[in-house]
Amino acid sequence: MMRSAISTASRALLTTALAASAATAVITAAPSEAAAQVSIVRINGIATPVYFNDGDTFRPLGGPFRFRPARLAGFNTLESYGPTHQWGGWTYKELYVNAKQATLNARTEIWNCKADDTQKDGYGRILAICIDLGADHIRKGLAHAYNIDKPADWRFLQAQRDAIVHRRGMWAKGVPPLVLTSLHSVDERFDNENNYNRLISPLDGLSVKWKHQDKYDECQEVCHMGKGFDEKKGLEVIAALRADPTTEPLVRGYEDPYLLAMFGEYVSTDRVPQIFVREGHVPIKKKLDALRAAGAFGTLRDVKGSCMYYTTFERRYVVKPKPKCLKW
């Protein structure tokens, strides 16, 4: 038992020493990296020096994936190339601080990730699965859960529910009906028939395509418009759902602030997040439709949801000077 414990401790110390040695070697071999914050991530169990570009991407500086950009799957941090997100009571610059905090948070600990060559995103980056980092980001309100064709990982959704209920990070000044994560002007690509902006549900993390044929100017503010309702009316709707035996099991255990956020998505998009759907049945949607038709939400008003400033990729990262709207 003692020998096994000593052996385990020795291996841990050796792993840490090798990782530190690798990081030092990278900095020595590439002086341009000396000013960068080098972190350690265990990729497939191997301690690897990495550089976090932002809160959801890193570049391994050693190991089998050396210098190959990695996108962390299942969650998204706000853009860190400039103050470009806004919703609720936030200013653009305040949410830019949130994005920067996510980068710093990613650099604070040693995280565990899995990656292989077969899984890549649309930009050719390796997709890394880092559950502990993602859940930590999300619980602190420094990221939101995100998936393309099904609800996000349940661990991420639990962490996000906790952050929304306790108004942490990006949710402290309101939850938009959908989070706007990317803008694409119709003139960006040759094949523009299916041009769209990407929106993400704050409740189940599912991606929604906002199709359009609009041409955007540099630094143009683009907002997804939603609907607002009186919170008192929303609490009455919650009571109605809890009193109905067909819907009570679907909302059981969910906190009022979380259900109010769900209502915000529903009245704005006519969509009920999939986490409230069981076995293909949607009694909650029927109930909400009936309540809305009866005026239970009161008079709905037009509200700004999530907004972004439009800039092209080249103007964000390549062509100088930086656009005015992206200056800090």
C-alpha atoms as a PDB file:
ATOM      1  CA  MET A   1       0.000   0.000   0.000  1.00  0.00           C
ATOM      2  CA  MET A   2       2.769   2.426   0.975  1.00  0.00           C
ATOM      3  CA  ARG A   3       4.811   1.552  -2.121  1.00  0.00           C
ATOM      4  CA  SER A   4       1.751   2.068  -4.338  1.00  0.00           C
ATOM      5  CA  ALA A   5       1.039   5.468  -2.763  1.00  0.00           C
ATOM      6  CA  ILE A   6       4.647   6.556  -3.172  1.00  0.00           C
ATOM      7  CA  SER A   7       4.632   5.340  -6.752  1.00  0.00           C
ATOM      8  CA  THR A   8       1.445   7.265  -7.533  1.00  0.00           C
ATOM      9  CA  ALA A   9       2.807  10.434  -5.926  1.00  0.00           C
ATOM     10  CA  SER A  10       6.070  10.048  -7.819  1.00  0.00           C
ATOM     11  CA  ARG A  11       4.264   9.698 -11.116  1.00  0.00           C
ATOM     12  CA  ALA A  12       2.206  12.815 -10.382  1.00  0.00           C
ATOM     13  CA  LEU A  13       5.335  14.808  -9.538  1.00  0.00           C
ATOM     14  CA  LEU A  14       7.069  13.506 -12.652  1.00  0.00           C
ATOM     15  CA  THR A  15       4.091  14.481 -14.835  1.00  0.00           C
ATOM     16  CA  THR A  16       4.063  18.005 -13.412  1.00  0.00           C
ATOM     17  CA  ALA A  17       7.834  18.325 -13.800  1.00  0.00           C
ATOM     18  CA  LEU A  18       7.710  17.148 -17.416  1.00  0.00           C
ATOM     19  CA  ALA A  19       4.895  19.590 -18.195  1.00  0.00           C
ATOM     20  CA  ALA A  20       6.807  22.474 -16.640  1.00  0.00           C
ATOM     21  CA  SER A  21       9.933  21.416 -18.510  1.00  0.00           C
ATOM     22  CA  ALA A  22       8.005  21.295 -21.782  1.00  0.00           C
ATOM     23  CA  ALA A  23       6.557  24.759 -21.195  1.00  0.00           C
ATOM     24  CA  THR A  24      10.023  26.125 -20.432  1.00  0.00           C
ATOM     25  CA  ALA A  25      11.416  24.497 -23.548  1.00  0.00           C
ATOM     26  CA  VAL A  26       8.720  26.062 -25.701  1.00  0.00           C
ATOM     27  CA  ILE A  27       9.324  29.525 -24.278  1.00  0.00           C
ATOM     28  CA  THR A  28      13.088  29.136 -24.693  1.00  0.00           C
ATOM     29  CA  ALA A  29      12.734  27.881 -28.255  1.00  0.00           C
ATOM     30  CA  ALA A  30      10.193  30.515 -29.237  1.00  0.00           C
ATOM     31  CA  PRO A  31      10.850  33.886 -27.542  1.00  0.00           C
ATOM     32  CA  SER A  32       7.643  35.295 -29.015  1.00  0.00           C
ATOM     33  CA  GLU A  33       5.751  32.969 -26.694  1.00  0.00           C
ATOM     34  CA  ALA A  34       7.609  34.223 -23.612  1.00  0.00           C
ATOM     35  CA  ALA A  35       5.100  36.988 -23.032  1.00  0.00           C
ATOM     36  CA  ALA A  36       2.167  34.598 -23.437  1.00  0.00           C
ATOM     37  CA  GLN A  37       0.495  32.949 -20.475  1.00  0.00           C
ATOM     38  CA  VAL A  38       1.398  29.264 -20.646  1.00  0.00           C
ATOM     39  CA  SER A  39      -1.074  26.917 -18.964  1.00  0.00           C
ATOM     40  CA  ILE A  40      -1.182  23.167 -18.494  1.00  0.00           C
ATOM     41  CA  VAL A  41      -4.006  20.986 -19.822  1.00  0.00           C
ATOM     42  CA  ARG A  42      -4.122  17.204 -19.602  1.00  0.00           C
ATOM     43  CA  ILE A  43      -4.978  16.175 -23.148  1.00  0.00           C
ATOM     44  CA  ASN A  44      -5.880  12.481 -23.224  1.00  0.00           C
ATOM     45  CA  GLY A  45      -4.124  12.172 -19.874  1.00  0.00           C
ATOM     46  CA  ILE A  46      -0.887  13.830 -21.017  1.00  0.00           C
ATOM     47  CA  ALA A  47       0.098  17.081 -19.287  1.00  0.00           C
ATOM     48  CA  THR A  48       0.520  19.530 -22.164  1.00  0.00           C
ATOM     49  CA  PRO A  49       1.573  23.203 -22.191  1.00  0.00           C
ATOM     50  CA  VAL A  50      -1.052  25.296 -23.988  1.00  0.00           C
ATOM     51  CA  TYR A  51      -1.822  28.913 -24.747  1.00  0.00           C
ATOM     52  CA  PHE A  52      -5.469  29.935 -24.262  1.00  0.00           C
ATOM     53  CA  ASN A  53      -6.378  32.359 -27.064  1.00  0.00           C
ATOM     54  CA  ASP A  54      -9.647  33.000 -25.239  1.00  0.00           C
ATOM     55  CA  GLY A  55     -11.975  31.139 -22.920  1.00  0.00           C
ATOM     56  CA  ASP A  56     -12.965  28.399 -25.373  1.00  0.00           C
ATOM     57  CA  THR A  57      -9.914  27.882 -27.609  1.00  0.00           C
ATOM     58  CA  PHE A  58      -6.313  26.968 -26.960  1.00  0.00           C
ATOM     59  CA  ARG A  59      -3.165  26.119 -28.906  1.00  0.00           C
ATOM     60  CA  PRO A  60      -1.050  23.220 -27.619  1.00  0.00           C
ATOM     61  CA  LEU A  61       2.623  24.192 -27.398  1.00  0.00           C
ATOM     62  CA  GLY A  62       3.825  20.607 -27.163  1.00  0.00           C
ATOM     63  CA  GLY A  63       2.711  17.005 -27.492  1.00  0.00           C
ATOM     64  CA  PRO A  64       1.038  15.253 -30.454  1.00  0.00           C
ATOM     65  CA  PHE A  65      -1.264  18.227 -31.180  1.00  0.00           C
ATOM     66  CA  ARG A  66       1.503  20.835 -31.054  1.00  0.00           C
ATOM     67  CA  PHE A  67       0.531  24.194 -32.605  1.00  0.00           C
ATOM     68  CA  ARG A  68      -2.830  22.840 -33.823  1.00  0.00           C
ATOM     69  CA  PRO A  69      -5.681  25.127 -32.679  1.00  0.00           C
ATOM     70  CA  ALA A  70      -8.309  23.436 -30.522  1.00  0.00           C
ATOM     71  CA  ARG A  71     -11.923  24.531 -30.052  1.00  0.00           C
ATOM     72  CA  LEU A  72     -13.510  23.421 -26.793  1.00  0.00           C
ATOM     73  CA  ALA A  73     -16.767  21.643 -27.585  1.00  0.00           C
ATOM     74  CA  GLY A  74     -20.185  22.038 -25.992  1.00  0.00           C
ATOM     75  CA  PHE A  75     -19.936  25.605 -24.719  1.00  0.00           C
ATOM     76  CA  ASN A  76     -19.155  29.099 -25.916  1.00  0.00           C
ATOM     77  CA  THR A  77     -17.548  32.143 -24.332  1.00  0.00           C
ATOM     78  CA  LEU A  78     -18.286  35.633 -25.601  1.00  0.00           C
ATOM     79  CA  GLU A  79     -16.073  37.091 -28.324  1.00  0.00           C
ATOM     80  CA  SER A  80     -12.848  38.587 -26.992  1.00  0.00           C
ATOM     81  CA  TYR A  81     -11.663  40.470 -30.097  1.00  0.00           C
ATOM     82  CA  GLY A  82     -13.512  43.564 -28.911  1.00  0.00           C
ATOM     83  CA  PRO A  83     -16.665  44.797 -27.140  1.00  0.00           C
ATOM     84  CA  THR A  84     -19.206  43.211 -29.472  1.00  0.00           C
ATOM     85  CA  HIS A  85     -21.978  41.670 -27.309  1.00  0.00           C
ATOM     86  CA  GLN A  86     -24.837  43.383 -25.499  1.00  0.00           C
ATOM     87  CA  TRP A  87     -28.130  42.423 -23.866  1.00  0.00           C
ATOM     88  CA  GLY A  88     -30.286  43.282 -20.870  1.00  0.00           C
ATOM     89  CA  GLY A  89     -28.758  45.938 -18.645  1.00  0.00           C
ATOM     90  CA  TRP A  90     -25.213  45.307 -19.880  1.00  0.00           C
ATOM     91  CA  THR A  91     -23.095  47.640 -21.971  1.00  0.00           C
ATOM     92  CA  TYR A  92     -20.880  46.300 -24.747  1.00  0.00           C
ATOM     93  CA  LYS A  93     -17.748  47.003 -22.733  1.00  0.00           C
ATOM     94  CA  GLU A  94     -19.075  45.236 -19.649  1.00  0.00           C
ATOM     95  CA  LEU A  95     -19.691  42.002 -21.572  1.00  0.00           C
ATOM     96  CA  TYR A  96     -16.255  42.391 -23.150  1.00  0.00           C
ATOM     97  CA  VAL A  97     -14.868  42.237 -19.615  1.00  0.00           C
ATOM     98  CA  ASN A  98     -16.841  39.007 -19.141  1.00  0.00           C
ATOM     99  CA  ALA A  99     -15.127  37.540 -22.214  1.00  0.00           C
ATOM    100  CA  LYS A 100     -11.704  38.514 -20.881  1.00  0.00           C
ATOM    101  CA  GLN A 101     -12.539  37.025 -17.490  1.00  0.00           C
ATOM    102  CA  ALA A 102     -13.276  33.714 -19.216  1.00  0.00           C
ATOM    103  CA  THR A 103      -9.776  33.702 -20.720  1.00  0.00           C
ATOM    104  CA  LEU A 104      -8.231  34.376 -17.324  1.00  0.00           C
ATOM    105  CA  ASN A 105     -10.399  31.690 -15.721  1.00  0.00           C
ATOM    106  CA  ALA A 106      -9.211  29.138 -18.290  1.00  0.00           C
ATOM    107  CA  ARG A 107      -5.607  29.880 -17.330  1.00  0.00           C
ATOM    108  CA  THR A 108      -6.072  29.396 -13.600  1.00  0.00           C
ATOM    109  CA  GLU A 109      -6.120  25.619 -13.243  1.00  0.00           C
ATOM    110  CA  ILE A 110      -5.045  22.350 -14.842  1.00  0.00           C
ATOM    111  CA  TRP A 111      -8.023  21.001 -16.811  1.00  0.00           C
ATOM    112  CA  ASN A 112      -8.745  17.591 -18.317  1.00  0.00           C
ATOM    113  CA  CYS A 113      -9.565  17.318 -22.013  1.00  0.00           C
ATOM    114  CA  LYS A 114     -10.077  14.617 -24.615  1.00  0.00           C
ATOM    115  CA  ALA A 115      -9.268  15.128 -28.280  1.00  0.00           C
ATOM    116  CA  ASP A 116      -8.536  13.179 -31.467  1.00  0.00           C
ATOM    117  CA  ASP A 117      -7.804  13.934 -35.104  1.00  0.00           C
ATOM    118  CA  THR A 118     -11.207  12.806 -36.375  1.00  0.00           C
ATOM    119  CA  GLN A 119     -13.257  15.467 -34.594  1.00  0.00           C
ATOM    120  CA  LYS A 120     -12.926  18.980 -36.039  1.00  0.00           C
ATOM    121  CA  ASP A 121     -15.071  22.081 -36.294  1.00  0.00           C
ATOM    122  CA  GLY A 122     -16.000  24.010 -39.430  1.00  0.00           C
ATOM    123  CA  TYR A 123     -12.710  25.927 -39.290  1.00  0.00           C
ATOM    124  CA  GLY A 124     -10.566  22.785 -39.171  1.00  0.00           C
ATOM    125  CA  ARG A 125      -9.773  23.156 -35.477  1.00  0.00           C
ATOM    126  CA  ILE A 126      -9.544  20.059 -33.306  1.00  0.00           C
ATOM    127  CA  LEU A 127     -12.597  19.670 -31.102  1.00  0.00           C
ATOM    128  CA  ALA A 128     -11.554  19.117 -27.496  1.00  0.00           C
ATOM    129  CA  ILE A 129     -13.983  17.922 -24.834  1.00  0.00           C
ATOM    130  CA  CYS A 130     -13.159  19.607 -21.533  1.00  0.00           C
ATOM    131  CA  ILE A 131     -16.075  18.969 -19.174  1.00  0.00           C
ATOM    132  CA  ASP A 132     -14.477  20.326 -16.007  1.00  0.00           C
ATOM    133  CA  LEU A 133     -13.419  23.598 -17.638  1.00  0.00           C
ATOM    134  CA  GLY A 134     -16.758  24.035 -19.418  1.00  0.00           C
ATOM    135  CA  ALA A 135     -18.803  23.406 -16.281  1.00  0.00           C
ATOM    136  CA  ASP A 136     -16.622  25.790 -14.266  1.00  0.00           C
ATOM    137  CA  HIS A 137     -16.926  28.552 -16.876  1.00  0.00           C
ATOM    138  CA  ILE A 138     -20.679  28.101 -17.162  1.00  0.00           C
ATOM    139  CA  ARG A 139     -21.353  27.928 -13.425  1.00  0.00           C
ATOM    140  CA  LYS A 140     -19.542  31.258 -13.033  1.00  0.00           C
ATOM    141  CA  GLY A 141     -21.519  32.852 -15.871  1.00  0.00           C
ATOM    142  CA  LEU A 142     -18.420  33.131 -18.070  1.00  0.00           C
ATOM    143  CA  ALA A 143     -19.769  30.884 -20.840  1.00  0.00           C
ATOM    144  CA  HIS A 144     -23.032  29.412 -22.064  1.00  0.00           C
ATOM    145  CA  ALA A 145     -23.880  25.852 -23.131  1.00  0.00           C
ATOM    146  CA  TYR A 146     -23.955  25.306 -26.882  1.00  0.00           C
ATOM    147  CA  ASN A 147     -24.761  22.465 -29.281  1.00  0.00           C
ATOM    148  CA  ILE A 148     -25.887  22.185 -32.894  1.00  0.00           C
ATOM    149  CA  ASP A 149     -28.493  19.442 -33.203  1.00  0.00           C
ATOM    150  CA  LYS A 150     -29.437  18.364 -29.686  1.00  0.00           C
ATOM    151  CA  PRO A 151     -29.503  19.828 -26.166  1.00  0.00           C
ATOM    152  CA  ALA A 152     -26.084  20.511 -24.663  1.00  0.00           C
ATOM    153  CA  ASP A 153     -24.389  18.180 -22.193  1.00  0.00           C
ATOM    154  CA  TRP A 154     -26.560  17.794 -19.079  1.00  0.00           C
ATOM    155  CA  ARG A 155     -23.631  18.780 -16.849  1.00  0.00           C
ATOM    156  CA  PHE A 156     -23.339  22.066 -18.711  1.00  0.00           C
ATOM    157  CA  LEU A 157     -27.090  22.659 -18.549  1.00  0.00           C
ATOM    158  CA  GLN A 158     -27.131  22.042 -14.790  1.00  0.00           C
ATOM    159  CA  ALA A 159     -24.287  24.517 -14.325  1.00  0.00           C
ATOM    160  CA  GLN A 160     -26.082  27.068 -16.521  1.00  0.00           C
ATOM    161  CA  ARG A 161     -29.326  26.698 -14.627  1.00  0.00           C
ATOM    162  CA  ASP A 162     -27.408  27.383 -11.412  1.00  0.00           C
ATOM    163  CA  ALA A 163     -25.794  30.485 -12.951  1.00  0.00           C
ATOM    164  CA  ILE A 164     -29.114  31.834 -14.280  1.00  0.00           C
ATOM    165  CA  VAL A 165     -30.978  31.279 -11.008  1.00  0.00           C
ATOM    166  CA  HIS A 166     -28.226  33.002  -9.015  1.00  0.00           C
ATOM    167  CA  ARG A 167     -27.675  35.703 -11.675  1.00  0.00           C
ATOM    168  CA  ARG A 168     -23.962  35.082 -12.070  1.00  0.00           C
ATOM    169  CA  GLY A 169     -21.679  36.542 -14.712  1.00  0.00           C
ATOM    170  CA  MET A 170     -23.333  37.214 -18.049  1.00  0.00           C
ATOM    171  CA  TRP A 171     -26.811  36.517 -16.595  1.00  0.00           C
ATOM    172  CA  ALA A 172     -26.572  39.094 -13.782  1.00  0.00           C
ATOM    173  CA  LYS A 173     -28.473  41.763 -15.736  1.00  0.00           C
ATOM    174  CA  GLY A 174     -30.982  39.643 -17.593  1.00  0.00           C
ATOM    175  CA  VAL A 175     -31.390  36.559 -19.750  1.00  0.00           C
ATOM    176  CA  PRO A 176     -32.114  37.256 -23.439  1.00  0.00           C
ATOM    177  CA  PRO A 177     -34.624  35.058 -25.309  1.00  0.00           C
ATOM    178  CA  LEU A 178     -31.704  33.799 -27.427  1.00  0.00           C
ATOM    179  CA  VAL A 179     -27.980  34.619 -27.334  1.00  0.00           C
ATOM    180  CA  LEU A 180     -26.644  36.026 -30.594  1.00  0.00           C
ATOM    181  CA  THR A 181     -23.197  34.501 -31.194  1.00  0.00           C
ATOM    182  CA  SER A 182     -22.326  35.304 -34.816  1.00  0.00           C
ATOM    183  CA  LEU A 183     -23.297  37.687 -37.609  1.00  0.00           C
ATOM    184  CA  HIS A 184     -22.942  37.057 -41.341  1.00  0.00           C
ATOM    185  CA  SER A 185     -23.657  39.763 -43.884  1.00  0.00           C
ATOM    186  CA  VAL A 186     -25.262  38.404 -47.041  1.00  0.00           C
ATOM    187  CA  ASP A 187     -22.320  39.622 -49.150  1.00  0.00           C
ATOM    188  CA  GLU A 188     -19.729  37.612 -47.202  1.00  0.00           C
ATOM    189  CA  ARG A 189     -19.979  34.495 -49.358  1.00  0.00           C
ATOM    190  CA  PHE A 190     -20.778  33.526 -52.916  1.00  0.00           C
ATOM    191  CA  ASP A 191     -23.419  30.969 -51.923  1.00  0.00           C
ATOM    192  CA  ASN A 192     -25.665  33.235 -49.846  1.00  0.00           C
ATOM    193  CA  GLU A 193     -29.065  31.624 -50.352  1.00  0.00           C
ATOM    194  CA  ASN A 194     -29.021  30.124 -46.860  1.00  0.00           C
ATOM    195  CA  ASN A 195     -27.250  33.010 -45.149  1.00  0.00           C
ATOM    196  CA  TYR A 196     -27.902  33.164 -41.409  1.00  0.00           C
ATOM    197  CA  ASN A 197     -26.831  34.488 -38.023  1.00  0.00           C
ATOM    198  CA  ARG A 198     -26.441  32.031 -35.155  1.00  0.00           C
ATOM    199  CA  LEU A 199     -28.581  32.189 -32.023  1.00  0.00           C
ATOM    200  CA  ILE A 200     -28.312  29.942 -28.956  1.00  0.00           C
ATOM    201  CA  SER A 201     -31.021  29.011 -26.462  1.00  0.00           C
ATOM    202  CA  PRO A 202     -30.046  29.931 -22.877  1.00  0.00           C
ATOM    203  CA  LEU A 203     -32.157  27.016 -21.619  1.00  0.00           C
ATOM    204  CA  ASP A 204     -31.097  23.946 -23.638  1.00  0.00           C
ATOM    205  CA  GLY A 205     -28.087  25.307 -25.533  1.00  0.00           C
ATOM    206  CA  LEU A 206     -29.511  24.448 -28.948  1.00  0.00           C
ATOM    207  CA  SER A 207     -28.417  26.444 -31.978  1.00  0.00           C
ATOM    208  CA  VAL A 208     -31.083  28.317 -33.945  1.00  0.00           C
ATOM    209  CA  LYS A 209     -30.466  29.706 -37.441  1.00  0.00           C
ATOM    210  CA  TRP A 210     -31.698  33.263 -37.978  1.00  0.00           C
ATOM    211  CA  LYS A 211     -31.930  33.278 -41.778  1.00  0.00           C
ATOM    212  CA  HIS A 212     -31.778  36.631 -43.533  1.00  0.00           C
ATOM    213  CA  GLN A 213     -30.700  38.421 -46.707  1.00  0.00           C
ATOM    214  CA  ASP A 214     -29.415  41.609 -45.074  1.00  0.00           C
ATOM    215  CA  LYS A 215     -26.186  43.392 -45.914  1.00  0.00           C
ATOM    216  CA  TYR A 216     -24.434  44.826 -42.867  1.00  0.00           C
ATOM    217  CA  ASP A 217     -22.132  47.828 -42.651  1.00  0.00           C
ATOM    218  CA  GLU A 218     -19.010  47.797 -40.486  1.00  0.00           C
ATOM    219  CA  CYS A 219     -19.886  48.408 -36.834  1.00  0.00           C
ATOM    220  CA  GLN A 220     -23.604  48.174 -37.549  1.00  0.00           C
ATOM    221  CA  GLU A 221     -25.518  47.083 -34.465  1.00  0.00           C
ATOM    222  CA  VAL A 222     -27.680  44.040 -35.181  1.00  0.00           C
ATOM    223  CA  CYS A 223     -30.203  42.937 -32.550  1.00  0.00           C
ATOM    224  CA  HIS A 224     -32.463  39.933 -32.303  1.00  0.00           C
ATOM    225  CA  MET A 225     -35.819  41.350 -31.262  1.00  0.00           C
ATOM    226  CA  GLY A 226     -37.863  39.585 -28.627  1.00  0.00           C
ATOM    227  CA  LYS A 227     -40.983  40.028 -26.521  1.00  0.00           C
ATOM    228  CA  GLY A 228     -41.214  41.146 -22.922  1.00  0.00           C
ATOM    229  CA  PHE A 229     -43.890  40.470 -20.308  1.00  0.00           C
ATOM    230  CA  ASP A 230     -44.711  41.606 -16.789  1.00  0.00           C
ATOM    231  CA  GLU A 231     -42.896  39.457 -14.216  1.00  0.00           C
ATOM    232  CA  LYS A 232     -45.933  39.350 -11.940  1.00  0.00           C
ATOM    233  CA  LYS A 233     -47.944  37.858 -14.808  1.00  0.00           C
ATOM    234  CA  GLY A 234     -45.139  35.372 -15.409  1.00  0.00           C
ATOM    235  CA  LEU A 235     -45.296  34.200 -11.799  1.00  0.00           C
ATOM    236  CA  GLU A 236     -49.036  33.648 -12.208  1.00  0.00           C
ATOM    237  CA  VAL A 237     -48.342  31.503 -15.280  1.00  0.00           C
ATOM    238  CA  ILE A 238     -45.839  29.468 -13.247  1.00  0.00           C
ATOM    239  CA  ALA A 239     -48.520  28.877 -10.614  1.00  0.00           C
ATOM    240  CA  ALA A 240     -50.897  27.688 -13.341  1.00  0.00           C
ATOM    241  CA  LEU A 241     -48.311  25.216 -14.666  1.00  0.00           C
ATOM    242  CA  ARG A 242     -47.672  23.878 -11.173  1.00  0.00           C
ATOM    243  CA  ALA A 243     -51.408  23.453 -10.556  1.00  0.00           C
ATOM    244  CA  ASP A 244     -52.056  21.496 -13.769  1.00  0.00           C
ATOM    245  CA  PRO A 245     -51.364  17.731 -13.408  1.00  0.00           C
ATOM    246  CA  THR A 246     -50.300  17.480 -17.064  1.00  0.00           C
ATOM    247  CA  THR A 247     -47.598  20.114 -16.741  1.00  0.00           C
ATOM    248  CA  GLU A 248     -46.620  19.912 -13.069  1.00  0.00           C
ATOM    249  CA  PRO A 249     -44.171  16.999 -13.632  1.00  0.00           C
ATOM    250  CA  LEU A 250     -42.417  18.999 -16.371  1.00  0.00           C
ATOM    251  CA  VAL A 251     -41.723  22.036 -14.188  1.00  0.00           C
ATOM    252  CA  ARG A 252     -41.261  20.219 -10.879  1.00  0.00           C
ATOM    253  CA  GLY A 253     -38.088  21.297  -9.119  1.00  0.00           C
ATOM    254  CA  TYR A 254     -37.351  24.179 -11.493  1.00  0.00           C
ATOM    255  CA  GLU A 255     -36.854  27.558  -9.844  1.00  0.00           C
ATOM    256  CA  ASP A 256     -39.047  30.551 -10.713  1.00  0.00           C
ATOM    257  CA  PRO A 257     -36.188  32.628 -12.250  1.00  0.00           C
ATOM    258  CA  TYR A 258     -35.360  29.721 -14.553  1.00  0.00           C
ATOM    259  CA  LEU A 259     -38.975  29.299 -15.677  1.00  0.00           C
ATOM    260  CA  LEU A 260     -39.266  33.043 -16.256  1.00  0.00           C
ATOM    261  CA  ALA A 261     -36.232  32.780 -18.553  1.00  0.00           C
ATOM    262  CA  MET A 262     -37.977  29.940 -20.379  1.00  0.00           C
ATOM    263  CA  PHE A 263     -41.064  32.125 -20.827  1.00  0.00           C
ATOM    264  CA  GLY A 264     -38.863  34.830 -22.353  1.00  0.00           C
ATOM    265  CA  GLU A 265     -37.762  32.394 -25.045  1.00  0.00           C
ATOM    266  CA  TYR A 266     -41.289  31.053 -25.530  1.00  0.00           C
ATOM    267  CA  VAL A 267     -43.096  34.397 -26.000  1.00  0.00           C
ATOM    268  CA  SER A 268     -40.304  35.629 -28.305  1.00  0.00           C
ATOM    269  CA  THR A 269     -39.872  32.561 -30.516  1.00  0.00           C
ATOM    270  CA  ASP A 270     -42.931  30.365 -29.861  1.00  0.00           C
ATOM    271  CA  ARG A 271     -40.446  27.655 -28.885  1.00  0.00           C
ATOM    272  CA  VAL A 272     -40.331  25.585 -25.705  1.00  0.00           C
ATOM    273  CA  PRO A 273     -36.772  24.364 -24.969  1.00  0.00           C
ATOM    274  CA  GLN A 274     -36.346  20.623 -25.396  1.00  0.00           C
ATOM    275  CA  ILE A 275     -35.461  20.080 -21.748  1.00  0.00           C
ATOM    276  CA  PHE A 276     -39.181  20.593 -20.997  1.00  0.00           C
ATOM    277  CA  VAL A 277     -40.235  17.985 -23.566  1.00  0.00           C
ATOM    278  CA  ARG A 278     -40.500  14.326 -22.582  1.00  0.00           C
ATOM    279  CA  GLU A 279     -40.973  11.346 -24.890  1.00  0.00           C
ATOM    280  CA  GLY A 280     -41.934  13.579 -27.762  1.00  0.00           C
ATOM    281  CA  HIS A 281     -44.949  15.043 -25.977  1.00  0.00           C
ATOM    282  CA  VAL A 282     -45.328  18.754 -25.463  1.00  0.00           C
ATOM    283  CA  PRO A 283     -48.214  19.345 -23.021  1.00  0.00           C
ATOM    284  CA  ILE A 284     -46.367  22.374 -21.671  1.00  0.00           C
ATOM    285  CA  LYS A 285     -46.466  24.007 -25.120  1.00  0.00           C
ATOM    286  CA  LYS A 286     -50.222  23.429 -25.394  1.00  0.00           C
ATOM    287  CA  LYS A 287     -50.758  24.839 -21.921  1.00  0.00           C
ATOM    288  CA  LEU A 288     -48.631  27.920 -22.604  1.00  0.00           C
ATOM    289  CA  ASP A 289     -50.383  28.489 -25.932  1.00  0.00           C
ATOM    290  CA  ALA A 290     -53.762  28.400 -24.177  1.00  0.00           C
ATOM    291  CA  LEU A 291     -52.586  30.714 -21.393  1.00  0.00           C
ATOM    292  CA  ARG A 292     -51.103  33.196 -23.840  1.00  0.00           C
ATOM    293  CA  ALA A 293     -54.293  33.188 -25.939  1.00  0.00           C
ATOM    294  CA  ALA A 294     -56.251  33.926 -22.769  1.00  0.00           C
ATOM    295  CA  GLY A 295     -53.996  36.906 -22.028  1.00  0.00           C
ATOM    296  CA  ALA A 296     -52.221  35.324 -19.054  1.00  0.00           C
ATOM    297  CA  PHE A 297     -48.911  36.996 -19.982  1.00  0.00           C
ATOM    298  CA  GLY A 298     -50.574  40.390 -20.224  1.00  0.00           C
ATOM    299  CA  THR A 299     -49.660  42.775 -23.014  1.00  0.00           C
ATOM    300  CA  LEU A 300     -46.442  41.656 -24.671  1.00  0.00           C
ATOM    301  CA  ARG A 301     -44.027  44.399 -25.681  1.00  0.00           C
ATOM    302  CA  ASP A 302     -41.222  44.524 -28.219  1.00  0.00           C
ATOM    303  CA  VAL A 303     -37.795  44.362 -26.567  1.00  0.00           C
ATOM    304  CA  LYS A 304     -34.219  44.136 -27.729  1.00  0.00           C
ATOM    305  CA  GLY A 305     -32.831  40.692 -27.135  1.00  0.00           C
ATOM    306  CA  SER A 306     -29.171  39.989 -27.759  1.00  0.00           C
ATOM    307  CA  CYS A 307     -27.149  42.395 -29.923  1.00  0.00           C
ATOM    308  CA  MET A 308     -23.758  42.395 -31.665  1.00  0.00           C
ATOM    309  CA  TYR A 309     -21.647  44.804 -33.675  1.00  0.00           C
ATOM    310  CA  TYR A 310     -20.899  43.520 -37.167  1.00  0.00           C
ATOM    311  CA  THR A 311     -17.315  43.315 -38.424  1.00  0.00           C
ATOM    312  CA  THR A 312     -15.685  40.963 -40.933  1.00  0.00           C
ATOM    313  CA  PHE A 313     -13.082  38.423 -39.905  1.00  0.00           C
ATOM    314  CA  GLU A 314     -10.349  40.383 -41.681  1.00  0.00           C
ATOM    315  CA  ARG A 315     -11.230  43.609 -39.889  1.00  0.00           C
ATOM    316  CA  ARG A 316     -11.194  41.858 -36.529  1.00  0.00           C
ATOM    317  CA  TYR A 317      -7.804  40.214 -36.866  1.00  0.00           C
ATOM    318  CA  VAL A 318      -5.894  41.262 -40.002  1.00  0.00           C
ATOM    319  CA  VAL A 319      -6.559  44.708 -41.475  1.00  0.00           C
ATOM    320  CA  LYS A 320      -5.478  47.646 -39.306  1.00  0.00           C
ATOM    321  CA  PRO A 321      -6.489  49.910 -37.716  1.00  0.00           C
ATOM    322  CA  LYS A 322      -9.116  48.139 -35.648  1.00  0.00           C
ATOM    323  CA  PRO A 323     -12.724  49.276 -36.298  1.00  0.00           C
ATOM    324  CA  LYS A 324     -13.915  51.979 -33.914  1.00  0.00           C
ATOM    325  CA  CYS A 325     -16.594  49.802 -32.343  1.00  0.00           C
ATOM    326  CA  LEU A 326     -13.992  47.195 -31.322  1.00  0.00           C
ATOM    327  CA  LYS A 327     -11.674  49.613 -29.559  1.00  0.00           C
ATOM    328  CA  TRP A 328     -11.567  49.255 -25.803  1.00  0.00           C
END
